[in-house]
Amino acid sequence: MVEAIHRPTRLEFSKSALAYNVQYVKKVSGAKLLWLAVKSNAYGHGLLLVSKLAKQAGIDGLAVAEIDEGIAIRKAGLNDFILILGPTDVADAPLAAKYGFLTTVPSLDWLKQADKLLGDQCLAVNLAVDTGMNRIGVRDRQALQDEIDYLKAHEDHFKYQGIYTHFASSDNADDRYFQKQKQRWYDMTKGLPMPEFVHVMNSGAAMYHADELPGCNSIARVGTVVYGVEPSEGELGPIDKLKAVFQLKSALSFVKKIPAGEGISYGSKFVTDKDSWIGTIPIGYGDGWLAEYQDFSLLIDGQRCRQIGQVAMDQMMVLLPKEYPIGTEVTLIGKDGSEENTLYDLHKHSGVPPWKITVAFSDRLKRIVVD
């Protein structure tokens, strides 16, 4: 998608807030290494933007979902440590080796196929242990032992560098399933050879369970917390200790006075009950401002102004208290005077979780660093 650099709509990104969150998470978790998930366009914040700022912020490595995200980072000139979290097509094992990725192994069969393809290359591998996410990885101790034995027998092609599991509910107040997964992890791995990187702490585990994970709590593999979102939404930890890393802003592109009885936007679901000043804002669901956000209050001139009518693909309308000039700033997420809209506010209004809000932001949104 083309970046819309010639319109006022933009994400204003704060690298100082990112750095603050990194240090806060390291302090709370006690982790010596912090790997930041930049998958899915860095949760919508911008893959290359965040990847370039990560090391400055104190991040020790990056994690992506699939190999193409890692390749994009490499082609941008970044030589940071990169973990591929999801399964890579075995035919691309030589490519993963070429770019120096720590590549996740979903099964012994994958290793056997990759062994035939690597030639004179050596691939760093990360064993996936399925303790209850039921997504990828081995589910029993013998299968894990077989993978480790295979790696030891084929050290010309594989470097056994990482092992991990993923907790499905580490940010829930009801921690019974987390405890079940934790016990499975220790039952499956106790006494087996461990590699350099043993990483099980995701955002929830890092924030709430680090002390319960002896022997595997030196690395935190996180996403939401560094982006400023408290995973439990305040249920398990203070919601105000992390800093928002962006503000979403735009400006009025058109202002008009509409008489009573006029419908606004598709379907005329909002009809003016009196003569009203209506502003148009150049952002819509094509940018990731979803239809579910209809009627959310936007900030203009330090005041709350109701967005009205259906959100269209590229534009939406707002009910103004008076006439404002074209170009007047609109804050969708962020601060304006004494008023503030947070991701949590938008979540409460729409029911869309904070991380799903940001991941929906499209590449059409201009992203700029403001500090």
Foldseek 3Di string as FASTA:
>chain_A
DDAQPPFFWFKAFALVLLLLLVVVLCVQQVAQAEEAECELQLLQQGLQVCVVSVVVSPHQAYEYQEDVSVVVNVVVPDLGAYEHDHAYDLLCQLVQQVSQHAYEDQFLVSVVSNLVVNVQTAHEYEAEEELDPPDGHDDAQVRVLVNVVVCVVPVSHYDDAHYEYEQDPLLDPPCPSVVSSLVSVCVNPPPHDGHNAYEYAELSCSNAPSVVRPPHSNYYYYRQSSCQANVNCCPRHHSPSRDHRIWTKGWFQDKDWDAFQDFFEPPSPDTHHGTFIKTKTFAFVLQLPDQLQAQPWKAFQNDTWTWHDGTDNTMTMTTDPDDDDTGGMITPAADDPPDGHHLVNSCVSRVQHSSSSSSSGDSNHHYHHDD
